[in-house]
Amino acid sequence: MAAFVVLGISFHKADTLTRSRYHLGDIQARDLMLALKKLGASSWVLCTCNRTEVYAYGLDPDALVACLADQAKTSAEELLAAGAYLYTGQTALNHLFRVSAGLDSMILGDLQIGGQLYKAYSRSKELGCSDAFLHRAMQHARKGYKRIRTETGLSRGAASVAHATVLYLRQQGCGKRILLVGTGKMGKVTCKNLLDDPSLRITLVNRSPERARRFAADLGPRIRVAPWAALPAEIAGADVIIVATGAQEPVLCREHVLQAAGTTRWLIDLSVPRNIAPGVEDLPFVRLATLDDLALVTDETLRTRQAAVPQAEAIIAHEMNQFLRWVDTLQVTPVIRALTEKLHHLRRAELDAYARSLDVQQLEQVDRLTQGIVDKIAAWSILYLKDTPDPAEATEAISRMFQLELKEDA
């Protein structure tokens, strides 16, 4: 377990701007996993608007910090000073299970994170950057995620970043004219939540007119589409501007907003890296909200979810224990293999010594008899090794007793 490491930076200690600095695009994440593979480690990289995390097996923690810092074009010291965290062993495993279940999310019980985590693992598997340890860990984490969804109230009700956005607008009394910039997944989910209020008038602007039309067609006739060139004018005519694109650079700057001077405009940036340029919030008529602000929004749904946390934690503890039992079998597997081979080698050697003095029928009978004896001795030994509270001590004792030679690649 000591070889399992998690390195990350998230909303817990890093604000949106800081998280943006360490956010890895798909190509960067791929390059990092391939770099770790060259060092002999398996890994996957999880990047969302609220966290960048690397899950690795078989690498020194300091080397992992150095690799992520190199990919983010910073130093290890700066990365750690920015609020990065480093977990190893069972602490890292517990973090994986909590992230998968939505217990570590900005919005408690976030339904999206389990899918995002599995997608990150799947990309690693496609690149050949995973291994049996990470595969089994993901299996148990995903099983815990599914059990928590079906057996507890942790993910019930509408509570997500998109839902928090709608609650925020309602609490602030921001107005009815909504401009949505971008057609990413977050934008689409947010738009669906906005459509629950029939009084809202929603306009969509996107760089790709065709994508904008498909987006609007999927959500219904209430969505009006405007061309990208009309962005400043649409901002001037909106009460709320929600930006949710997948761009790596800001798409909305001061010049876009200046035409709206004189009337308060609410700007909401749902993107990481941030898509609203720094400094826009300094304009006197602008009120900017980021993901960090939305984290403060709560309602009865979230209070209900909080009550389900103990039950979710119990499920995580159970699934972690199941995984750790499997890890223990890894420790005894080489001994089991070596013991089985040794017993069968001894049996064959004894049979060969008496083979000439036995006829074919007698040899077959003795072969079956000795095979059964060896199988029973092996079965008792294997059962003891798997159930012993101290696998290390037991494997050492049996290795000495039978003078086993363990293969390094076993």
Protein backbone atom coordinates (compact mmCIF):
# COMPACT_ATOMS: atom_id res chain seq x y z
CA MET A 1 0.00 0.00 0.00
CA ALA A 2 2.90 2.37 0.64
CA ALA A 3 3.49 2.50 -3.12
CA PHE A 4 0.06 4.09 -3.75
CA VAL A 5 0.29 7.90 -3.88
CA VAL A 6 -2.20 10.70 -4.55
CA LEU A 7 -1.00 14.20 -5.37
CA GLY A 8 -3.49 16.97 -5.95
CA ILE A 9 -4.62 20.54 -5.66
CA SER A 10 -8.29 21.36 -5.12
CA PHE A 11 -10.85 23.91 -4.02
CA HIS A 12 -10.15 23.07 -0.37
CA LYS A 13 -6.97 25.17 -0.28
CA ALA A 14 -6.68 26.75 -3.74
CA ASP A 15 -8.96 29.38 -5.23
CA THR A 16 -10.11 29.36 -8.86
CA LEU A 17 -7.14 31.33 -10.18
CA THR A 18 -4.67 29.05 -8.43
CA ARG A 19 -6.43 25.91 -9.66
CA SER A 20 -6.32 27.32 -13.17
CA ARG A 21 -2.52 27.40 -13.03
CA TYR A 22 -2.35 23.67 -12.37
CA HIS A 23 -5.23 22.54 -14.55
CA LEU A 24 -4.02 20.03 -17.16
CA GLY A 25 -5.62 19.71 -20.58
CA ASP A 26 -6.07 16.30 -22.19
CA ILE A 27 -2.69 16.43 -23.95
CA GLN A 28 -0.86 17.51 -20.79
CA ALA A 29 -2.55 14.76 -18.76
CA ARG A 30 -1.56 12.20 -21.38
CA ASP A 31 2.04 13.39 -21.43
CA LEU A 32 2.21 13.22 -17.63
CA MET A 33 0.91 9.64 -17.53
CA LEU A 34 3.37 8.57 -20.23
CA ALA A 35 6.22 10.28 -18.37
CA LEU A 36 5.29 8.42 -15.18
CA LYS A 37 5.11 5.17 -17.14
CA LYS A 38 8.72 5.67 -18.23
CA LEU A 39 9.63 5.91 -14.55
CA GLY A 40 7.97 2.56 -13.91
CA ALA A 41 4.74 3.88 -12.38
CA SER A 42 1.12 3.32 -13.33
CA SER A 43 -1.21 6.31 -12.98
CA TRP A 44 -4.27 8.23 -14.00
CA VAL A 45 -4.89 11.98 -13.97
CA LEU A 46 -8.17 13.56 -12.86
CA CYS A 47 -8.82 17.16 -13.95
CA THR A 48 -12.11 18.92 -13.19
CA CYS A 49 -13.05 22.51 -12.52
CA ASN A 50 -12.44 21.92 -8.81
CA ARG A 51 -9.36 19.69 -8.71
CA THR A 52 -6.29 18.37 -10.46
CA GLU A 53 -5.16 15.02 -9.03
CA VAL A 54 -2.66 12.34 -9.96
CA TYR A 55 -3.20 8.80 -8.67
CA ALA A 56 0.00 6.76 -9.03
CA TYR A 57 1.32 3.36 -8.03
CA GLY A 58 4.99 2.45 -7.83
CA LEU A 59 6.64 5.87 -7.59
CA ASP A 60 8.43 7.83 -4.89
CA PRO A 61 6.19 10.72 -3.71
CA ASP A 62 8.91 13.33 -4.30
CA ALA A 63 9.33 12.11 -7.87
CA LEU A 64 5.58 12.46 -8.43
CA VAL A 65 5.64 16.05 -7.14
CA ALA A 66 8.55 16.83 -9.47
CA CYS A 67 6.73 15.35 -12.48
CA LEU A 68 3.50 17.30 -11.91
CA ALA A 69 5.44 20.51 -11.27
CA ASP A 70 7.36 19.99 -14.51
CA GLN A 71 4.14 19.44 -16.47
CA ALA A 72 2.59 22.57 -14.91
CA LYS A 73 5.78 24.53 -15.70
CA THR A 74 6.46 25.41 -12.08
CA SER A 75 8.67 24.16 -9.27
CA ALA A 76 7.93 21.53 -6.65
CA GLU A 77 8.25 24.21 -3.96
CA GLU A 78 5.70 26.48 -5.66
CA LEU A 79 3.30 23.58 -6.19
CA LEU A 80 3.34 22.61 -2.53
CA ALA A 81 3.14 26.24 -1.42
CA ALA A 82 0.02 26.66 -3.58
CA GLY A 83 -1.84 24.20 -1.36
CA ALA A 84 -1.05 20.85 -2.98
CA TYR A 85 -1.63 17.76 -0.87
CA LEU A 86 0.18 14.43 -0.93
CA TYR A 87 -1.33 11.21 0.45
CA THR A 88 0.16 7.72 0.57
CA GLY A 89 -0.99 4.22 1.49
CA GLN A 90 -4.40 3.80 3.10
CA THR A 91 -4.83 7.58 3.43
CA ALA A 92 -4.51 7.84 -0.36
CA LEU A 93 -6.95 4.95 -0.80
CA ASN A 94 -9.50 6.58 1.49
CA HIS A 95 -9.18 9.81 -0.49
CA LEU A 96 -9.86 7.93 -3.74
CA PHE A 97 -13.03 6.37 -2.32
CA ARG A 98 -14.25 9.69 -0.89
CA VAL A 99 -13.65 11.53 -4.16
CA SER A 100 -15.46 8.82 -6.13
CA ALA A 101 -18.47 8.98 -3.80
CA GLY A 102 -18.77 12.78 -3.92
CA LEU A 103 -17.83 13.16 -0.24
CA ASP A 104 -14.87 15.37 -1.14
CA SER A 105 -16.73 17.51 -3.69
CA MET A 106 -17.47 21.21 -3.56
CA ILE A 107 -21.15 20.24 -3.72
CA LEU A 108 -21.63 17.29 -1.33
CA GLY A 109 -22.71 14.14 -3.17
CA ASP A 110 -21.82 15.52 -6.61
CA LEU A 111 -23.10 12.99 -9.14
CA GLN A 112 -20.62 13.94 -11.87
CA ILE A 113 -17.36 13.21 -10.09
CA GLY A 114 -17.76 9.41 -10.10
CA GLY A 115 -18.10 9.42 -13.87
CA GLN A 116 -15.24 11.88 -14.29
CA LEU A 117 -12.98 9.69 -12.18
CA TYR A 118 -13.84 6.56 -14.15
CA LYS A 119 -13.26 8.41 -17.42
CA ALA A 120 -9.80 9.44 -16.18
CA TYR A 121 -9.03 5.82 -15.33
CA SER A 122 -10.30 4.66 -18.74
CA ARG A 123 -7.96 7.10 -20.53
CA SER A 124 -5.08 5.67 -18.52
CA LYS A 125 -6.07 2.13 -19.44
CA GLU A 126 -6.23 3.03 -23.14
CA LEU A 127 -2.70 4.44 -22.93
CA GLY A 128 -1.40 1.32 -21.19
CA CYS A 129 -0.66 3.36 -18.06
CA SER A 130 -2.73 1.34 -15.61
CA ASP A 131 -2.04 -1.97 -13.84
CA ALA A 132 -3.74 -4.62 -11.72
CA PHE A 133 -3.47 -2.55 -8.52
CA LEU A 134 -5.12 0.56 -9.97
CA HIS A 135 -7.70 -1.56 -11.80
CA ARG A 136 -8.76 -3.29 -8.60
CA ALA A 137 -8.75 -0.02 -6.63
CA MET A 138 -11.04 1.58 -9.23
CA GLN A 139 -13.36 -1.44 -9.20
CA HIS A 140 -13.90 -1.16 -5.45
CA ALA A 141 -14.14 2.64 -5.50
CA ARG A 142 -16.76 2.44 -8.24
CA LYS A 143 -18.66 -0.27 -6.39
CA GLY A 144 -18.73 1.98 -3.33
CA TYR A 145 -19.91 4.90 -5.49
CA LYS A 146 -22.80 2.83 -6.90
CA ARG A 147 -23.79 1.46 -3.51
CA ILE A 148 -23.82 4.94 -1.97
CA ARG A 149 -26.01 6.22 -4.79
CA THR A 150 -28.56 3.45 -4.36
CA GLU A 151 -28.41 2.75 -0.61
CA THR A 152 -28.11 6.26 0.84
CA GLY A 153 -29.55 9.72 0.34
CA LEU A 154 -26.17 11.30 -0.38
CA SER A 155 -26.92 12.01 -4.04
CA ARG A 156 -30.66 12.62 -3.84
CA GLY A 157 -32.21 15.90 -4.84
CA ALA A 158 -30.83 18.61 -7.09
CA ALA A 159 -27.49 19.70 -5.72
CA SER A 160 -24.67 20.43 -8.16
CA VAL A 161 -22.68 23.39 -9.43
CA ALA A 162 -25.45 23.97 -11.97
CA HIS A 163 -28.09 23.81 -9.25
CA ALA A 164 -26.03 26.09 -7.01
CA THR A 165 -25.83 28.59 -9.88
CA VAL A 166 -29.60 28.76 -10.11
CA LEU A 167 -29.93 29.10 -6.33
CA TYR A 168 -27.34 31.87 -6.35
CA LEU A 169 -29.22 33.84 -9.00
CA ARG A 170 -32.44 33.40 -7.08
CA GLN A 171 -30.88 34.51 -3.79
CA GLN A 172 -29.27 37.58 -5.35
CA GLY A 173 -32.34 38.59 -7.36
CA CYS A 174 -30.20 39.05 -10.46
CA GLY A 175 -32.89 39.52 -13.12
CA LYS A 176 -34.57 37.46 -15.82
CA ARG A 177 -32.43 38.02 -18.95
CA ILE A 178 -29.75 35.31 -19.04
CA LEU A 179 -26.88 35.15 -21.53
CA LEU A 180 -25.05 31.81 -21.66
CA VAL A 181 -21.61 31.87 -23.28
CA GLY A 182 -20.38 28.40 -24.24
CA THR A 183 -21.86 24.99 -24.97
CA GLY A 184 -19.70 22.77 -22.77
CA LYS A 185 -21.11 20.10 -20.50
CA MET A 186 -21.33 22.46 -17.54
CA GLY A 187 -23.13 25.05 -19.66
CA LYS A 188 -25.67 22.52 -20.87
CA VAL A 189 -26.44 21.20 -17.39
CA THR A 190 -26.75 24.76 -16.06
CA CYS A 191 -29.07 25.70 -18.89
CA LYS A 192 -31.31 22.72 -18.12
CA ASN A 193 -31.59 23.95 -14.53
CA LEU A 194 -32.40 27.48 -15.70
CA LEU A 195 -35.21 26.18 -17.92
CA ASP A 196 -37.06 25.01 -14.82
CA ASP A 197 -37.96 28.69 -14.28
CA PRO A 198 -40.40 29.65 -17.10
CA SER A 199 -39.91 33.37 -16.41
CA LEU A 200 -36.26 33.37 -17.53
CA ARG A 201 -35.28 34.46 -21.05
CA ILE A 202 -32.16 32.61 -22.17
CA THR A 203 -29.83 33.54 -25.03
CA LEU A 204 -26.94 31.37 -26.17
CA VAL A 205 -23.70 32.56 -27.76
CA ASN A 206 -20.99 30.20 -28.98
CA ARG A 207 -18.03 30.44 -31.36
CA SER A 208 -19.45 27.58 -33.42
CA PRO A 209 -22.89 28.58 -34.81
CA GLU A 210 -23.68 24.96 -35.75
CA ARG A 211 -22.89 23.69 -32.27
CA ALA A 212 -24.99 26.47 -30.76
CA ARG A 213 -27.96 25.49 -32.93
CA ARG A 214 -27.65 21.82 -31.97
CA PHE A 215 -27.39 22.83 -28.32
CA ALA A 216 -30.57 24.93 -28.56
CA ALA A 217 -32.43 22.23 -30.48
CA ASP A 218 -31.64 19.70 -27.74
CA LEU A 219 -33.04 21.96 -25.03
CA GLY A 220 -36.12 23.30 -26.75
CA PRO A 221 -37.58 26.41 -28.38
CA ARG A 222 -37.09 28.70 -25.36
CA ILE A 223 -33.35 29.01 -26.17
CA ARG A 224 -32.50 31.92 -28.45
CA VAL A 225 -29.19 31.75 -30.36
CA ALA A 226 -27.12 34.84 -31.19
CA PRO A 227 -23.91 35.07 -33.27
CA TRP A 228 -20.51 35.34 -31.59
CA ALA A 229 -19.93 38.74 -33.19
CA ALA A 230 -22.94 40.09 -31.28
CA LEU A 231 -21.43 39.21 -27.88
CA PRO A 232 -20.92 42.82 -26.62
CA ALA A 233 -24.46 43.79 -27.62
CA GLU A 234 -25.91 40.66 -26.02
CA ILE A 235 -24.02 41.43 -22.81
CA ALA A 236 -25.49 44.92 -22.80
CA GLY A 237 -28.97 43.43 -23.08
CA ALA A 238 -28.56 40.79 -20.37
CA ASP A 239 -28.92 40.90 -16.58
CA VAL A 240 -26.77 37.79 -16.04
CA ILE A 241 -23.87 36.49 -18.14
CA ILE A 242 -22.85 32.88 -17.45
CA VAL A 243 -19.58 31.77 -19.02
CA ALA A 244 -19.00 28.01 -19.30
CA THR A 245 -16.63 27.10 -22.12
CA GLY A 246 -13.76 24.67 -22.38
CA ALA A 247 -11.30 27.35 -23.51
CA GLN A 248 -7.86 27.50 -21.93
CA GLU A 249 -7.81 31.32 -22.18
CA PRO A 250 -10.35 34.02 -21.18
CA VAL A 251 -13.10 34.53 -23.74
CA LEU A 252 -14.75 37.51 -22.05
CA CYS A 253 -12.72 40.66 -21.33
CA ARG A 254 -13.28 44.26 -20.21
CA GLU A 255 -13.99 45.47 -23.76
CA HIS A 256 -16.88 43.03 -24.06
CA VAL A 257 -18.50 44.34 -20.89
CA LEU A 258 -17.87 48.09 -21.18
CA GLN A 259 -20.92 48.60 -23.42
CA ALA A 260 -23.09 47.52 -20.49
CA ALA A 261 -21.87 50.38 -18.25
CA GLY A 262 -24.49 52.03 -16.08
CA THR A 263 -26.55 49.02 -15.06
CA THR A 264 -25.47 46.22 -12.71
CA ARG A 265 -24.46 43.07 -14.55
CA TRP A 266 -23.99 39.70 -12.81
CA LEU A 267 -21.16 37.63 -14.28
CA ILE A 268 -20.76 33.97 -13.36
CA ASP A 269 -17.63 32.08 -14.40
CA LEU A 270 -18.12 28.30 -14.29
CA SER A 271 -14.83 27.51 -16.03
CA VAL A 272 -11.39 26.33 -14.98
CA PRO A 273 -9.17 27.85 -16.22
CA ARG A 274 -11.21 31.02 -15.74
CA ASN A 275 -12.89 32.26 -18.90
CA ILE A 276 -13.59 35.78 -17.62
CA ALA A 277 -10.42 37.85 -17.74
CA PRO A 278 -9.00 39.11 -14.44
CA GLY A 279 -9.90 42.74 -13.86
CA VAL A 280 -13.43 42.58 -15.27
CA GLU A 281 -14.75 42.40 -11.71
CA ASP A 282 -13.12 45.79 -11.00
CA LEU A 283 -15.68 47.54 -13.18
CA PRO A 284 -18.12 49.33 -10.82
CA PHE A 285 -21.24 47.88 -12.43
CA VAL A 286 -20.02 44.25 -12.44
CA ARG A 287 -20.75 41.62 -9.80
CA LEU A 288 -18.64 38.52 -10.44
CA ALA A 289 -19.22 35.05 -8.98
CA THR A 290 -16.87 32.11 -9.47
CA LEU A 291 -17.00 28.47 -8.46
CA ASP A 292 -15.63 29.46 -5.07
CA ASP A 293 -18.66 31.68 -4.43
CA LEU A 294 -21.08 28.97 -5.52
CA ALA A 295 -19.58 26.61 -2.95
CA LEU A 296 -21.15 28.76 -0.23
CA VAL A 297 -24.68 28.20 -1.57
CA THR A 298 -26.70 25.64 0.35
CA ASP A 299 -30.32 24.54 0.75
CA GLU A 300 -32.41 21.75 2.27
CA THR A 301 -31.11 19.22 -0.27
CA LEU A 302 -27.57 19.67 0.99
CA ARG A 303 -28.68 19.39 4.61
CA THR A 304 -30.38 16.09 3.77
CA ARG A 305 -27.23 14.87 2.08
CA GLN A 306 -25.15 15.75 5.12
CA ALA A 307 -27.30 13.42 7.20
CA ALA A 308 -26.41 10.55 4.83
CA VAL A 309 -22.64 10.97 5.28
CA PRO A 310 -22.20 8.42 8.13
CA GLN A 311 -23.92 5.70 6.11
CA ALA A 312 -21.77 6.55 3.08
CA GLU A 313 -18.63 6.44 5.20
CA ALA A 314 -19.60 2.95 6.43
CA ILE A 315 -19.93 1.72 2.84
CA ILE A 316 -16.53 3.18 2.00
CA ALA A 317 -14.98 1.44 5.02
CA HIS A 318 -16.44 -1.88 3.88
CA GLU A 319 -15.23 -1.55 0.28
CA MET A 320 -11.80 -0.39 1.42
CA ASN A 321 -11.55 -3.45 3.67
CA GLN A 322 -12.44 -5.71 0.74
CA PHE A 323 -9.73 -4.11 -1.36
CA LEU A 324 -7.15 -4.36 1.42
CA ARG A 325 -7.91 -8.07 1.79
CA TRP A 326 -7.09 -8.45 -1.89
CA VAL A 327 -3.86 -6.52 -1.35
CA ASP A 328 -2.93 -8.98 1.40
CA THR A 329 -3.32 -11.83 -1.11
CA LEU A 330 -0.71 -10.13 -3.29
CA GLN A 331 1.74 -10.54 -0.44
CA VAL A 332 1.04 -14.27 -0.07
CA THR A 333 0.55 -15.16 -3.75
CA PRO A 334 4.28 -15.73 -4.48
CA VAL A 335 4.52 -18.03 -1.44
CA ILE A 336 1.37 -19.93 -2.47
CA ARG A 337 2.74 -20.41 -5.96
CA ALA A 338 6.17 -21.49 -4.72
CA LEU A 339 4.69 -23.86 -2.12
CA THR A 340 2.39 -25.53 -4.66
CA GLU A 341 5.28 -25.98 -7.11
CA LYS A 342 7.54 -27.39 -4.37
CA LEU A 343 4.98 -29.95 -3.20
CA HIS A 344 4.24 -31.12 -6.73
CA HIS A 345 7.97 -31.32 -7.49
CA LEU A 346 8.48 -33.54 -4.44
CA ARG A 347 5.52 -35.72 -5.45
CA ARG A 348 6.79 -36.20 -8.99
CA ALA A 349 10.30 -36.99 -7.75
CA GLU A 350 8.98 -39.72 -5.42
CA LEU A 351 6.77 -41.15 -8.15
CA ASP A 352 9.69 -41.31 -10.55
CA ALA A 353 11.73 -43.23 -7.95
CA TYR A 354 9.10 -45.99 -7.70
CA ALA A 355 7.74 -45.89 -11.24
CA ARG A 356 9.77 -48.92 -12.44
CA SER A 357 8.50 -51.15 -9.65
CA LEU A 358 4.82 -50.42 -10.38
CA ASP A 359 2.64 -51.47 -13.27
CA VAL A 360 0.56 -48.94 -15.17
CA GLN A 361 -2.60 -49.44 -13.08
CA GLN A 362 -0.70 -49.21 -9.78
CA LEU A 363 1.12 -46.08 -10.98
CA GLU A 364 -2.19 -44.40 -11.83
CA GLN A 365 -3.58 -45.26 -8.40
CA VAL A 366 -0.50 -43.95 -6.58
CA ASP A 367 -0.55 -40.84 -8.77
CA ARG A 368 -4.16 -40.05 -7.77
CA LEU A 369 -3.44 -40.81 -4.11
CA THR A 370 -0.39 -38.55 -3.87
CA GLN A 371 -2.11 -35.83 -5.90
CA GLY A 372 -4.94 -35.75 -3.35
CA ILE A 373 -2.54 -35.60 -0.39
CA VAL A 374 -0.55 -32.75 -1.94
CA ASP A 375 -3.72 -30.82 -2.83
CA LYS A 376 -5.01 -31.06 0.76
CA ILE A 377 -1.69 -29.90 2.26
CA ALA A 378 -1.57 -27.01 -0.21
CA ALA A 379 -5.22 -26.08 0.44
CA TRP A 380 -4.73 -25.95 4.22
CA SER A 381 -1.59 -23.85 3.81
CA ILE A 382 -3.27 -21.46 1.36
CA LEU A 383 -6.30 -21.03 3.65
CA TYR A 384 -4.00 -20.23 6.56
CA LEU A 385 -1.99 -17.71 4.52
CA LYS A 386 -5.11 -15.90 3.29
CA ASP A 387 -6.81 -15.72 6.69
CA THR A 388 -3.83 -14.99 8.93
CA PRO A 389 -3.87 -11.58 10.65
CA ASP A 390 -0.13 -11.21 9.92
CA PRO A 391 0.58 -12.27 6.30
CA ALA A 392 4.22 -11.14 6.46
CA GLU A 393 5.04 -13.35 9.46
CA ALA A 394 3.12 -16.32 8.05
CA THR A 395 4.73 -16.16 4.61
CA GLU A 396 8.18 -15.93 6.18
CA ALA A 397 7.52 -18.96 8.41
CA ILE A 398 6.23 -21.14 5.56
CA SER A 399 9.06 -20.04 3.28
CA ARG A 400 11.60 -21.15 5.88
CA MET A 401 9.75 -24.35 6.71
CA PHE A 402 9.61 -25.57 3.11
CA GLN A 403 12.83 -23.81 2.01
CA LEU A 404 10.98 -22.01 -0.77
CA GLU A 405 12.71 -20.01 -3.47
CA LEU A 406 10.43 -17.11 -4.37
CA LYS A 407 10.56 -15.85 -7.91
CA GLU A 408 11.01 -12.10 -8.21
CA ASP A 409 8.46 -11.86 -11.00
CA ALA A 410 5.85 -13.92 -9.15
